PDB file of N, CA and C in Angstrom:
ATOM      1  N   UNK A   1      90.051 121.535 109.701  1.00  0.00           N
ATOM      2  CA  UNK A   1      91.284 120.861 109.342  1.00  0.00           C
ATOM      3  C   UNK A   1      91.584 119.756 110.346  1.00  0.00           C
ATOM      4  N   UNK A   2      92.361 118.799 109.898  1.00  0.00           N
ATOM      5  CA  UNK A   2      92.767 117.682 110.745  1.00  0.00           C
ATOM      6  C   UNK A   2      94.185 117.935 111.226  1.00  0.00           C
ATOM      7  N   UNK A   3      94.387 117.785 112.518  1.00  0.00           N
ATOM      8  CA  UNK A   3      95.723 117.962 113.087  1.00  0.00           C
ATOM      9  C   UNK A   3      96.469 116.630 113.065  1.00  0.00           C
ATOM     10  N   UNK A   4      97.731 116.688 112.652  1.00  0.00           N
ATOM     11  CA  UNK A   4      98.559 115.487 112.583  1.00  0.00           C
ATOM     12  C   UNK A   4      99.875 115.760 113.294  1.00  0.00           C
ATOM     13  N   UNK A   5     100.298 114.857 114.144  1.00  0.00           N
ATOM     14  CA  UNK A   5     101.555 115.018 114.861  1.00  0.00           C
ATOM     15  C   UNK A   5     102.351 113.722 114.761  1.00  0.00           C
ATOM     16  N   UNK A   6     103.498 113.817 114.093  1.00  0.00           N
ATOM     17  CA  UNK A   6     104.356 112.647 113.942  1.00  0.00           C
ATOM     18  C   UNK A   6     105.312 112.520 115.119  1.00  0.00           C
ATOM     19  N   UNK A   7     105.746 111.296 115.370  1.00  0.00           N
ATOM     20  CA  UNK A   7     106.751 111.030 116.388  1.00  0.00           C
ATOM     21  C   UNK A   7     107.438 109.716 116.054  1.00  0.00           C
ATOM     22  N   UNK A   8     108.514 109.456 116.778  1.00  0.00           N
ATOM     23  CA  UNK A   8     109.200 108.177 116.619  1.00  0.00           C
ATOM     24  C   UNK A   8     110.442 108.210 115.760  1.00  0.00           C
ATOM     25  N   UNK A   9     110.706 109.348 115.125  1.00  0.00           N
ATOM     26  CA  UNK A   9     111.909 109.429 114.304  1.00  0.00           C
ATOM     27  C   UNK A   9     113.164 109.434 115.144  1.00  0.00           C
ATOM     28  N   UNK A  10     114.286 109.295 114.484  1.00  0.00           N
ATOM     29  CA  UNK A  10     115.562 109.301 115.184  1.00  0.00           C
ATOM     30  C   UNK A  10     116.618 108.601 114.378  1.00  0.00           C
ATOM     31  N   UNK A  11     117.650 108.168 115.066  1.00  0.00           N
ATOM     32  CA  UNK A  11     118.783 107.485 114.436  1.00  0.00           C
ATOM     33  C   UNK A  11     118.607 105.976 114.581  1.00  0.00           C
ATOM     34  N   UNK A  12     118.772 105.280 113.492  1.00  0.00           N
ATOM     35  CA  UNK A  12     118.673 103.822 113.513  1.00  0.00           C
ATOM     36  C   UNK A  12     119.778 103.257 112.629  1.00  0.00           C
ATOM     37  N   UNK A  13     120.299 102.138 113.012  1.00  0.00           N
ATOM     38  CA  UNK A  13     121.325 101.489 112.196  1.00  0.00           C
ATOM     39  C   UNK A  13     120.674 100.732 111.041  1.00  0.00           C
ATOM     40  N   UNK A  14     121.369 100.682 109.938  1.00  0.00           N
ATOM     41  CA  UNK A  14     120.890  99.886 108.818  1.00  0.00           C
ATOM     42  C   UNK A  14     120.675  98.453 109.281  1.00  0.00           C
ATOM     43  N   UNK A  15     119.539  97.897 108.900  1.00  0.00           N
ATOM     44  CA  UNK A  15     119.214  96.554 109.327  1.00  0.00           C
ATOM     45  C   UNK A  15     118.431  96.498 110.620  1.00  0.00           C
ATOM     46  N   UNK A  16     118.279  97.639 111.275  1.00  0.00           N
ATOM     47  CA  UNK A  16     117.536  97.692 112.520  1.00  0.00           C
ATOM     48  C   UNK A  16     116.048  97.886 112.267  1.00  0.00           C
ATOM     49  N   UNK A  17     115.369  98.480 113.247  1.00  0.00           N
ATOM     50  CA  UNK A  17     113.941  98.733 113.073  1.00  0.00           C
ATOM     51  C   UNK A  17     113.559 100.005 113.822  1.00  0.00           C
ATOM     52  N   UNK A  18     112.489 100.597 113.361  1.00  0.00           N
ATOM     53  CA  UNK A  18     112.001 101.841 113.948  1.00  0.00           C
ATOM     54  C   UNK A  18     110.518 101.942 113.628  1.00  0.00           C
ATOM     55  N   UNK A  19     109.743 102.490 114.547  1.00  0.00           N
ATOM     56  CA  UNK A  19     108.320 102.671 114.281  1.00  0.00           C
ATOM     57  C   UNK A  19     107.959 104.142 114.400  1.00  0.00           C
ATOM     58  N   UNK A  20     107.403 104.667 113.336  1.00  0.00           N
ATOM     59  CA  UNK A  20     106.905 106.027 113.335  1.00  0.00           C
ATOM     60  C   UNK A  20     105.425 106.031 113.682  1.00  0.00           C
ATOM     61  N   UNK A  21     105.011 107.079 114.373  1.00  0.00           N
ATOM     62  CA  UNK A  21     103.603 107.220 114.728  1.00  0.00           C
ATOM     63  C   UNK A  21     103.084 108.573 114.268  1.00  0.00           C
ATOM     64  N   UNK A  22     101.811 108.613 113.964  1.00  0.00           N
ATOM     65  CA  UNK A  22     101.158 109.858 113.585  1.00  0.00           C
ATOM     66  C   UNK A  22      99.826 109.912 114.314  1.00  0.00           C
ATOM     67  N   UNK A  23      99.724 110.824 115.258  1.00  0.00           N
ATOM     68  CA  UNK A  23      98.470 111.012 115.984  1.00  0.00           C
ATOM     69  C   UNK A  23      97.602 111.993 115.203  1.00  0.00           C
ATOM     70  N   UNK A  24      96.341 111.646 115.061  1.00  0.00           N
ATOM     71  CA  UNK A  24      95.447 112.478 114.281  1.00  0.00           C
ATOM     72  C   UNK A  24      94.204 112.867 115.063  1.00  0.00           C
ATOM     73  N   UNK A  25      93.680 114.035 114.755  1.00  0.00           N
ATOM     74  CA  UNK A  25      92.462 114.501 115.415  1.00  0.00           C
ATOM     75  C   UNK A  25      91.222 114.075 114.632  1.00  0.00           C
ATOM     76  N   UNK A  26      91.404 113.411 113.500  1.00  0.00           N
ATOM     77  CA  UNK A  26      90.270 113.029 112.657  1.00  0.00           C
ATOM     78  C   UNK A  26      89.452 111.949 113.342  1.00  0.00           C
ATOM     79  N   UNK A  27      88.193 112.213 113.548  1.00  0.00           N
ATOM     80  CA  UNK A  27      87.328 111.227 114.197  1.00  0.00           C
ATOM     81  C   UNK A  27      86.005 111.039 113.487  1.00  0.00           C
ATOM     82  N   UNK A  28      85.628 111.955 112.623  1.00  0.00           N
ATOM     83  CA  UNK A  28      84.281 111.919 112.058  1.00  0.00           C
ATOM     84  C   UNK A  28      84.245 111.600 110.577  1.00  0.00           C
ATOM     85  N   UNK A  29      85.386 111.382 109.962  1.00  0.00           N
ATOM     86  CA  UNK A  29      85.414 111.112 108.533  1.00  0.00           C
ATOM     87  C   UNK A  29      85.243 109.617 108.290  1.00  0.00           C
ATOM     88  N   UNK A  30      84.517 109.286 107.238  1.00  0.00           N
ATOM     89  CA  UNK A  30      84.293 107.873 106.946  1.00  0.00           C
ATOM     90  C   UNK A  30      85.076 107.406 105.722  1.00  0.00           C
ATOM     91  N   UNK A  31      85.336 108.278 104.787  1.00  0.00           N
ATOM     92  CA  UNK A  31      86.071 107.900 103.580  1.00  0.00           C
ATOM     93  C   UNK A  31      87.331 108.747 103.485  1.00  0.00           C
ATOM     94  N   UNK A  32      88.451 108.131 103.789  1.00  0.00           N
ATOM     95  CA  UNK A  32      89.694 108.885 103.791  1.00  0.00           C
ATOM     96  C   UNK A  32      90.870 107.953 103.551  1.00  0.00           C
ATOM     97  N   UNK A  33      91.975 108.567 103.332  1.00  0.00           N
ATOM     98  CA  UNK A  33      93.235 107.847 103.115  1.00  0.00           C
ATOM     99  C   UNK A  33      94.309 108.548 103.936  1.00  0.00           C
ATOM    100  N   UNK A  34      95.192 107.774 104.494  1.00  0.00           N
ATOM    101  CA  UNK A  34      96.332 108.337 105.214  1.00  0.00           C
ATOM    102  C   UNK A  34      97.601 107.724 104.663  1.00  0.00           C
ATOM    103  N   UNK A  35      98.674 108.459 104.811  1.00  0.00           N
ATOM    104  CA  UNK A  35      99.918 107.929 104.268  1.00  0.00           C
ATOM    105  C   UNK A  35     101.140 108.600 104.841  1.00  0.00           C
ATOM    106  N   UNK A  36     102.270 107.998 104.538  1.00  0.00           N
ATOM    107  CA  UNK A  36     103.580 108.535 104.872  1.00  0.00           C
ATOM    108  C   UNK A  36     104.258 108.956 103.583  1.00  0.00           C
ATOM    109  N   UNK A  37     104.861 110.128 103.611  1.00  0.00           N
ATOM    110  CA  UNK A  37     105.525 110.683 102.439  1.00  0.00           C
ATOM    111  C   UNK A  37     106.922 111.148 102.815  1.00  0.00           C
ATOM    112  N   UNK A  38     107.759 111.259 101.810  1.00  0.00           N
ATOM    113  CA  UNK A  38     109.090 111.813 101.982  1.00  0.00           C
ATOM    114  C   UNK A  38     109.252 112.969 101.013  1.00  0.00           C
ATOM    115  N   UNK A  39     110.072 113.921 101.404  1.00  0.00           N
ATOM    116  CA  UNK A  39     110.326 115.076 100.556  1.00  0.00           C
ATOM    117  C   UNK A  39     111.790 115.049 100.137  1.00  0.00           C
ATOM    118  N   UNK A  40     112.065 114.724  98.901  1.00  0.00           N
ATOM    119  CA  UNK A  40     113.455 114.661  98.447  1.00  0.00           C
ATOM    120  C   UNK A  40     114.150 116.007  98.623  1.00  0.00           C
ATOM    121  N   UNK A  41     115.419 115.934  98.893  1.00  0.00           N
ATOM    122  CA  UNK A  41     116.214 117.149  99.097  1.00  0.00           C
ATOM    123  C   UNK A  41     116.123 118.034  97.864  1.00  0.00           C
ATOM    124  N   UNK A  42     115.852 119.302  98.103  1.00  0.00           N
ATOM    125  CA  UNK A  42     115.777 120.250  97.004  1.00  0.00           C
ATOM    126  C   UNK A  42     114.421 120.326  96.333  1.00  0.00           C
ATOM    127  N   UNK A  43     113.507 119.482  96.768  1.00  0.00           N
ATOM    128  CA  UNK A  43     112.169 119.470  96.174  1.00  0.00           C
ATOM    129  C   UNK A  43     111.201 120.250  97.057  1.00  0.00           C
ATOM    130  N   UNK A  44     110.111 120.698  96.440  1.00  0.00           N
ATOM    131  CA  UNK A  44     109.095 121.431  97.170  1.00  0.00           C
ATOM    132  C   UNK A  44     108.106 120.472  97.823  1.00  0.00           C
ATOM    133  N   UNK A  45     107.285 121.065  98.681  1.00  0.00           N
ATOM    134  CA  UNK A  45     106.275 120.277  99.387  1.00  0.00           C
ATOM    135  C   UNK A  45     105.362 119.544  98.411  1.00  0.00           C
ATOM    136  N   UNK A  46     105.072 120.199  97.294  1.00  0.00           N
ATOM    137  CA  UNK A  46     104.157 119.594  96.317  1.00  0.00           C
ATOM    138  C   UNK A  46     104.781 118.381  95.626  1.00  0.00           C
ATOM    139  N   UNK A  47     106.091 118.202  95.805  1.00  0.00           N
ATOM    140  CA  UNK A  47     106.781 117.093  95.159  1.00  0.00           C
ATOM    141  C   UNK A  47     107.095 115.955  96.116  1.00  0.00           C
ATOM    142  N   UNK A  48     106.444 115.959  97.245  1.00  0.00           N
ATOM    143  CA  UNK A  48     106.655 114.859  98.193  1.00  0.00           C
ATOM    144  C   UNK A  48     106.233 113.543  97.547  1.00  0.00           C
ATOM    145  N   UNK A  49     106.971 112.512  97.908  1.00  0.00           N
ATOM    146  CA  UNK A  49     106.763 111.200  97.308  1.00  0.00           C
ATOM    147  C   UNK A  49     106.122 110.250  98.305  1.00  0.00           C
ATOM    148  N   UNK A  50     105.243 109.438  97.799  1.00  0.00           N
ATOM    149  CA  UNK A  50     104.571 108.467  98.650  1.00  0.00           C
ATOM    150  C   UNK A  50     105.550 107.400  99.125  1.00  0.00           C
ATOM    151  N   UNK A  51     105.476 107.097 100.406  1.00  0.00           N
ATOM    152  CA  UNK A  51     106.221 105.970 100.970  1.00  0.00           C
ATOM    153  C   UNK A  51     105.258 104.807 101.169  1.00  0.00           C
ATOM    154  N   UNK A  52     104.147 105.075 101.858  1.00  0.00           N
ATOM    155  CA  UNK A  52     103.145 104.038 102.104  1.00  0.00           C
ATOM    156  C   UNK A  52     101.816 104.711 102.412  1.00  0.00           C
ATOM    157  N   UNK A  53     100.730 104.086 101.997  1.00  0.00           N
ATOM    158  CA  UNK A  53      99.409 104.648 102.251  1.00  0.00           C
ATOM    159  C   UNK A  53      98.445 103.549 102.661  1.00  0.00           C
ATOM    160  N   UNK A  54      97.348 103.979 103.288  1.00  0.00           N
ATOM    161  CA  UNK A  54      96.326 103.026 103.720  1.00  0.00           C
ATOM    162  C   UNK A  54      94.968 103.707 103.675  1.00  0.00           C
ATOM    163  N   UNK A  55      93.969 102.960 103.228  1.00  0.00           N
ATOM    164  CA  UNK A  55      92.615 103.495 103.162  1.00  0.00           C
ATOM    165  C   UNK A  55      91.955 103.354 104.534  1.00  0.00           C
ATOM    166  N   UNK A  56      91.224 104.386 104.924  1.00  0.00           N
ATOM    167  CA  UNK A  56      90.563 104.345 106.216  1.00  0.00           C
ATOM    168  C   UNK A  56      89.477 103.295 106.272  1.00  0.00           C
ATOM    169  N   UNK A  57      88.826 103.083 105.156  1.00  0.00           N
ATOM    170  CA  UNK A  57      87.809 102.040 105.069  1.00  0.00           C
ATOM    171  C   UNK A  57      88.327 100.925 104.177  1.00  0.00           C
ATOM    172  N   UNK A  58      88.391  99.766 104.724  1.00  0.00           N
ATOM    173  CA  UNK A  58      88.864  98.634 103.946  1.00  0.00           C
ATOM    174  C   UNK A  58      90.312  98.286 104.189  1.00  0.00           C
ATOM    175  N   UNK A  59      91.103  99.295 104.532  1.00  0.00           N
ATOM    176  CA  UNK A  59      92.493  99.024 104.884  1.00  0.00           C
ATOM    177  C   UNK A  59      93.420  98.696 103.742  1.00  0.00           C
ATOM    178  N   UNK A  60      93.005  98.983 102.497  1.00  0.00           N
ATOM    179  CA  UNK A  60      93.908  98.716 101.388  1.00  0.00           C
ATOM    180  C   UNK A  60      95.174  99.546 101.496  1.00  0.00           C
ATOM    181  N   UNK A  61      96.300  98.947 101.159  1.00  0.00           N
ATOM    182  CA  UNK A  61      97.574  99.636 101.305  1.00  0.00           C
ATOM    183  C   UNK A  61      98.316  99.758  99.991  1.00  0.00           C
ATOM    184  N   UNK A  62      99.251 100.697  99.976  1.00  0.00           N
ATOM    185  CA  UNK A  62     100.125 100.882  98.826  1.00  0.00           C
ATOM    186  C   UNK A  62     101.498 101.268  99.308  1.00  0.00           C
ATOM    187  N   UNK A  63     102.521 100.830  98.582  1.00  0.00           N
ATOM    188  CA  UNK A  63     103.893 101.086  98.995  1.00  0.00           C
ATOM    189  C   UNK A  63     104.751 101.506  97.813  1.00  0.00           C
ATOM    190  N   UNK A  64     105.727 102.349  98.113  1.00  0.00           N
ATOM    191  CA  UNK A  64     106.755 102.641  97.123  1.00  0.00           C
ATOM    192  C   UNK A  64     107.612 101.398  96.949  1.00  0.00           C
ATOM    193  N   UNK A  65     108.150 101.207  95.751  1.00  0.00           N
ATOM    194  CA  UNK A  65     108.960 100.018  95.483  1.00  0.00           C
ATOM    195  C   UNK A  65     110.135  99.893  96.442  1.00  0.00           C
ATOM    196  N   UNK A  66     110.691 101.039  96.836  1.00  0.00           N
ATOM    197  CA  UNK A  66     111.896 101.019  97.675  1.00  0.00           C
ATOM    198  C   UNK A  66     111.632 100.513  99.088  1.00  0.00           C
ATOM    199  N   UNK A  67     110.358 100.435  99.484  1.00  0.00           N
ATOM    200  CA  UNK A  67     110.070 100.010 100.857  1.00  0.00           C
ATOM    201  C   UNK A  67     109.261  98.714 100.916  1.00  0.00           C
ATOM    202  N   UNK A  68     108.853  98.203  99.787  1.00  0.00           N
ATOM    203  CA  UNK A  68     108.085  96.961  99.783  1.00  0.00           C
ATOM    204  C   UNK A  68     108.881  95.846 100.423  1.00  0.00           C
ATOM    205  N   UNK A  69     108.242  95.144 101.329  1.00  0.00           N
ATOM    206  CA  UNK A  69     108.903  94.058 102.024  1.00  0.00           C
ATOM    207  C   UNK A  69     109.733  94.516 103.215  1.00  0.00           C
ATOM    208  N   UNK A  70     109.894  95.829 103.370  1.00  0.00           N
ATOM    209  CA  UNK A  70     110.666  96.368 104.503  1.00  0.00           C
ATOM    210  C   UNK A  70     109.771  97.120 105.472  1.00  0.00           C
ATOM    211  N   UNK A  71     108.882  97.962 104.946  1.00  0.00           N
ATOM    212  CA  UNK A  71     108.054  98.820 105.780  1.00  0.00           C
ATOM    213  C   UNK A  71     106.611  98.328 105.754  1.00  0.00           C
ATOM    214  N   UNK A  72     105.928  98.560 106.862  1.00  0.00           N
ATOM    215  CA  UNK A  72     104.516  98.188 106.957  1.00  0.00           C
ATOM    216  C   UNK A  72     103.735  99.355 107.540  1.00  0.00           C
ATOM    217  N   UNK A  73     102.674  99.718 106.859  1.00  0.00           N
ATOM    218  CA  UNK A  73     101.806 100.793 107.343  1.00  0.00           C
ATOM    219  C   UNK A  73     100.554 100.184 107.948  1.00  0.00           C
ATOM    220  N   UNK A  74     100.141 100.734 109.078  1.00  0.00           N
ATOM    221  CA  UNK A  74      98.870 100.289 109.639  1.00  0.00           C
ATOM    222  C   UNK A  74      98.189 101.432 110.374  1.00  0.00           C
ATOM    223  N   UNK A  75      96.884 101.284 110.486  1.00  0.00           N
ATOM    224  CA  UNK A  75      96.028 102.330 111.034  1.00  0.00           C
ATOM    225  C   UNK A  75      95.257 101.768 112.206  1.00  0.00           C
ATOM    226  N   UNK A  76      95.344 102.439 113.340  1.00  0.00           N
ATOM    227  CA  UNK A  76      94.578 102.042 114.524  1.00  0.00           C
ATOM    228  C   UNK A  76      93.479 103.075 114.709  1.00  0.00           C
ATOM    229  N   UNK A  77      92.282 102.731 114.242  1.00  0.00           N
ATOM    230  CA  UNK A  77      91.185 103.706 114.297  1.00  0.00           C
ATOM    231  C   UNK A  77      90.727 103.959 115.727  1.00  0.00           C
ATOM    232  N   UNK A  78      90.910 102.994 116.594  1.00  0.00           N
ATOM    233  CA  UNK A  78      90.521 103.195 117.995  1.00  0.00           C
ATOM    234  C   UNK A  78      91.404 104.245 118.661  1.00  0.00           C
ATOM    235  N   UNK A  79      92.659 104.288 118.252  1.00  0.00           N
ATOM    236  CA  UNK A  79      93.596 105.249 118.828  1.00  0.00           C
ATOM    237  C   UNK A  79      93.799 106.477 117.941  1.00  0.00           C
ATOM    238  N   UNK A  80      93.111 106.494 116.802  1.00  0.00           N
ATOM    239  CA  UNK A  80      93.284 107.601 115.850  1.00  0.00           C
ATOM    240  C   UNK A  80      94.761 107.801 115.538  1.00  0.00           C
ATOM    241  N   UNK A  81      95.410 106.724 115.182  1.00  0.00           N
ATOM    242  CA  UNK A  81      96.850 106.797 114.946  1.00  0.00           C
ATOM    243  C   UNK A  81      97.253 105.977 113.729  1.00  0.00           C
ATOM    244  N   UNK A  82      98.219 106.529 113.010  1.00  0.00           N
ATOM    245  CA  UNK A  82      98.814 105.870 111.860  1.00  0.00           C
ATOM    246  C   UNK A  82     100.242 105.496 112.226  1.00  0.00           C
ATOM    247  N   UNK A  83     100.671 104.334 111.766  1.00  0.00           N
ATOM    248  CA  UNK A  83     102.022 103.882 112.088  1.00  0.00           C
ATOM    249  C   UNK A  83     102.773 103.485 110.827  1.00  0.00           C
ATOM    250  N   UNK A  84     104.080 103.554 110.909  1.00  0.00           N
ATOM    251  CA  UNK A  84     104.941 103.020 109.863  1.00  0.00           C
ATOM    252  C   UNK A  84     106.028 102.208 110.557  1.00  0.00           C
ATOM    253  N   UNK A  85     105.952 100.912 110.417  1.00  0.00           N
ATOM    254  CA  UNK A  85     106.975 100.033 110.963  1.00  0.00           C
ATOM    255  C   UNK A  85     108.075  99.884 109.929  1.00  0.00           C
ATOM    256  N   UNK A  86     109.252 100.360 110.273  1.00  0.00           N
ATOM    257  CA  UNK A  86     110.398 100.314 109.370  1.00  0.00           C
ATOM    258  C   UNK A  86     111.300  99.174 109.798  1.00  0.00           C
ATOM    259  N   UNK A  87     111.447  98.185 108.940  1.00  0.00           N
ATOM    260  CA  UNK A  87     112.307  97.053 109.231  1.00  0.00           C
ATOM    261  C   UNK A  87     113.400  96.983 108.167  1.00  0.00           C
ATOM    262  N   UNK A  88     114.613  96.696 108.636  1.00  0.00           N
ATOM    263  CA  UNK A  88     115.754  96.577 107.737  1.00  0.00           C
ATOM    264  C   UNK A  88     115.904  97.798 106.822  1.00  0.00           C
ATOM    265  N   UNK A  89     115.870  98.999 107.379  1.00  0.00           N
ATOM    266  CA  UNK A  89     116.055 100.169 106.525  1.00  0.00           C
ATOM    267  C   UNK A  89     117.508 100.280 106.069  1.00  0.00           C
ATOM    268  N   UNK A  90     117.703 101.038 105.021  1.00  0.00           N
ATOM    269  CA  UNK A  90     119.038 101.314 104.516  1.00  0.00           C
ATOM    270  C   UNK A  90     119.271 102.827 104.576  1.00  0.00           C
ATOM    271  N   UNK A  91     120.532 103.278 104.410  1.00  0.00           N
ATOM    272  CA  UNK A  91     120.793 104.734 104.435  1.00  0.00           C
ATOM    273  C   UNK A  91     119.955 105.508 103.412  1.00  0.00           C
ATOM    274  N   UNK A  92     119.525 104.829 102.351  1.00  0.00           N
ATOM    275  CA  UNK A  92     118.700 105.508 101.345  1.00  0.00           C
ATOM    276  C   UNK A  92     117.333 105.905 101.890  1.00  0.00           C
ATOM    277  N   UNK A  93     116.960 105.358 103.037  1.00  0.00           N
ATOM    278  CA  UNK A  93     115.683 105.702 103.651  1.00  0.00           C
ATOM    279  C   UNK A  93     115.800 106.874 104.620  1.00  0.00           C
ATOM    280  N   UNK A  94     116.975 107.474 104.672  1.00  0.00           N
ATOM    281  CA  UNK A  94     117.170 108.666 105.488  1.00  0.00           C
ATOM    282  C   UNK A  94     116.424 109.838 104.865  1.00  0.00           C
ATOM    283  N   UNK A  95     115.527 110.434 105.624  1.00  0.00           N
ATOM    284  CA  UNK A  95     114.753 111.559 105.144  1.00  0.00           C
ATOM    285  C   UNK A  95     113.822 112.043 106.246  1.00  0.00           C
ATOM    286  N   UNK A  96     113.074 113.082 105.965  1.00  0.00           N
ATOM    287  CA  UNK A  96     111.985 113.488 106.858  1.00  0.00           C
ATOM    288  C   UNK A  96     110.723 112.802 106.361  1.00  0.00           C
ATOM    289  N   UNK A  97     110.019 112.151 107.274  1.00  0.00           N
ATOM    290  CA  UNK A  97     108.788 111.457 106.931  1.00  0.00           C
ATOM    291  C   UNK A  97     107.598 112.300 107.394  1.00  0.00           C
ATOM    292  N   UNK A  98     106.702 112.534 106.463  1.00  0.00           N
ATOM    293  CA  UNK A  98     105.524 113.344 106.733  1.00  0.00           C
ATOM    294  C   UNK A  98     104.276 112.477 106.706  1.00  0.00           C
ATOM    295  N   UNK A  99     103.385 112.757 107.616  1.00  0.00           N
ATOM    296  CA  UNK A  99     102.090 112.089 107.675  1.00  0.00           C
ATOM    297  C   UNK A  99     101.062 112.943 106.935  1.00  0.00           C
ATOM    298  N   UNK A 100     100.210 112.292 106.180  1.00  0.00           N
ATOM    299  CA  UNK A 100      99.189 112.998 105.409  1.00  0.00           C
ATOM    300  C   UNK A 100      97.832 112.363 105.613  1.00  0.00           C
ATOM    301  N   UNK A 101      96.830 113.206 105.727  1.00  0.00           N
ATOM    302  CA  UNK A 101      95.438 112.778 105.792  1.00  0.00           C
ATOM    303  C   UNK A 101      94.700 113.413 104.628  1.00  0.00           C
ATOM    304  N   UNK A 102      93.871 112.623 103.945  1.00  0.00           N
ATOM    305  CA  UNK A 102      93.112 113.167 102.824  1.00  0.00           C
ATOM    306  C   UNK A 102      91.772 112.458 102.718  1.00  0.00           C
ATOM    307  N   UNK A 103      90.700 113.230 102.632  1.00  0.00           N
ATOM    308  CA  UNK A 103      89.433 112.594 102.354  1.00  0.00           C
ATOM    309  C   UNK A 103      89.444 112.153 100.893  1.00  0.00           C
ATOM    310  N   UNK A 104      88.652 111.161 100.570  1.00  0.00           N
ATOM    311  CA  UNK A 104      88.684 110.630  99.209  1.00  0.00           C
ATOM    312  C   UNK A 104      88.219 111.658  98.186  1.00  0.00           C
ATOM    313  N   UNK A 105      87.478 112.654  98.616  1.00  0.00           N
ATOM    314  CA  UNK A 105      87.063 113.726  97.717  1.00  0.00           C
ATOM    315  C   UNK A 105      88.092 114.848  97.662  1.00  0.00           C
ATOM    316  N   UNK A 106      89.125 114.737  98.507  1.00  0.00           N
ATOM    317  CA  UNK A 106      90.195 115.752  98.600  1.00  0.00           C
ATOM    318  C   UNK A 106      89.684 117.088  99.123  1.00  0.00           C
ATOM    319  N   UNK A 107      88.516 117.072  99.744  1.00  0.00           N
ATOM    320  CA  UNK A 107      88.029 118.328 100.319  1.00  0.00           C
ATOM    321  C   UNK A 107      88.828 118.707 101.560  1.00  0.00           C
ATOM    322  N   UNK A 108      89.373 117.704 102.218  1.00  0.00           N
ATOM    323  CA  UNK A 108      90.220 117.951 103.390  1.00  0.00           C
ATOM    324  C   UNK A 108      91.564 117.282 103.136  1.00  0.00           C
ATOM    325  N   UNK A 109      92.615 118.064 103.191  1.00  0.00           N
ATOM    326  CA  UNK A 109      93.976 117.543 103.042  1.00  0.00           C
ATOM    327  C   UNK A 109      94.821 118.190 104.132  1.00  0.00           C
ATOM    328  N   UNK A 110      95.457 117.366 104.939  1.00  0.00           N
ATOM    329  CA  UNK A 110      96.284 117.886 106.017  1.00  0.00           C
ATOM    330  C   UNK A 110      97.630 117.167 106.056  1.00  0.00           C
ATOM    331  N   UNK A 111      98.640 117.910 106.476  1.00  0.00           N
ATOM    332  CA  UNK A 111      99.999 117.370 106.620  1.00  0.00           C
ATOM    333  C   UNK A 111     100.483 117.594 108.038  1.00  0.00           C
ATOM    334  N   UNK A 112     101.281 116.673 108.512  1.00  0.00           N
ATOM    335  CA  UNK A 112     102.003 116.891 109.735  1.00  0.00           C
ATOM    336  C   UNK A 112     103.282 117.655 109.450  1.00  0.00           C
ATOM    337  N   UNK A 113     104.052 117.928 110.510  1.00  0.00           N
ATOM    338  CA  UNK A 113     105.284 118.693 110.351  1.00  0.00           C
ATOM    339  C   UNK A 113     106.487 117.815 110.042  1.00  0.00           C
ATOM    340  N   UNK A 114     106.308 116.519 110.151  1.00  0.00           N
ATOM    341  CA  UNK A 114     107.380 115.605 109.790  1.00  0.00           C
ATOM    342  C   UNK A 114     108.207 115.149 110.963  1.00  0.00           C
ATOM    343  N   UNK A 115     108.838 114.010 110.772  1.00  0.00           N
ATOM    344  CA  UNK A 115     109.767 113.469 111.756  1.00  0.00           C
ATOM    345  C   UNK A 115     110.987 112.943 111.014  1.00  0.00           C
ATOM    346  N   UNK A 116     112.165 113.323 111.499  1.00  0.00           N
ATOM    347  CA  UNK A 116     113.411 112.999 110.807  1.00  0.00           C
ATOM    348  C   UNK A 116     113.872 111.578 111.159  1.00  0.00           C
ATOM    349  N   UNK A 117     114.240 110.847 110.131  1.00  0.00           N
ATOM    350  CA  UNK A 117     114.831 109.517 110.321  1.00  0.00           C
ATOM    351  C   UNK A 117     116.201 109.508 109.661  1.00  0.00           C
ATOM    352  N   UNK A 118     117.208 109.076 110.412  1.00  0.00           N
ATOM    353  CA  UNK A 118     118.550 108.928 109.883  1.00  0.00           C
ATOM    354  C   UNK A 118     118.955 107.472 110.036  1.00  0.00           C
ATOM    355  N   UNK A 119     119.289 106.847 108.922  1.00  0.00           N
ATOM    356  CA  UNK A 119     119.722 105.453 108.935  1.00  0.00           C
ATOM    357  C   UNK A 119     121.227 105.434 108.702  1.00  0.00           C
ATOM    358  N   UNK A 120     121.946 104.947 109.696  1.00  0.00           N
ATOM    359  CA  UNK A 120     123.409 104.910 109.596  1.00  0.00           C
ATOM    360  C   UNK A 120     123.867 103.574 109.027  1.00  0.00           C
ATOM    361  N   UNK A 121     124.953 103.621 108.301  1.00  0.00           N
ATOM    362  CA  UNK A 121     125.469 102.390 107.688  1.00  0.00           C
ATOM    363  C   UNK A 121     126.411 101.652 108.618  1.00  0.00           C
TER     364      UNK A 121
END
């Protein structure tokens, strides 16, 4: 299994900025995807929603409509770390953000424990 540890969450004012980090133990996989997810209140883990994702090879990215133009995901393979740069967030972006690692074959799927972000108005 791949270990994932998120950090960087906290309180931020609407319109401010915050950077989330996810440290990963994955070093030997060549085809994988990583992403940030949110778990809506009252929903189960299986219902977590994608916030942003990035392919380990090629760097292709994907974003939820609510964060396009505000958040940027990037992967530093040298540091084995995934980041989410949150710019101009709104209170609607308040949630726990989870880091996910998945091989493209889905043989390995790992989640971090999450980091809480609160956006104040």
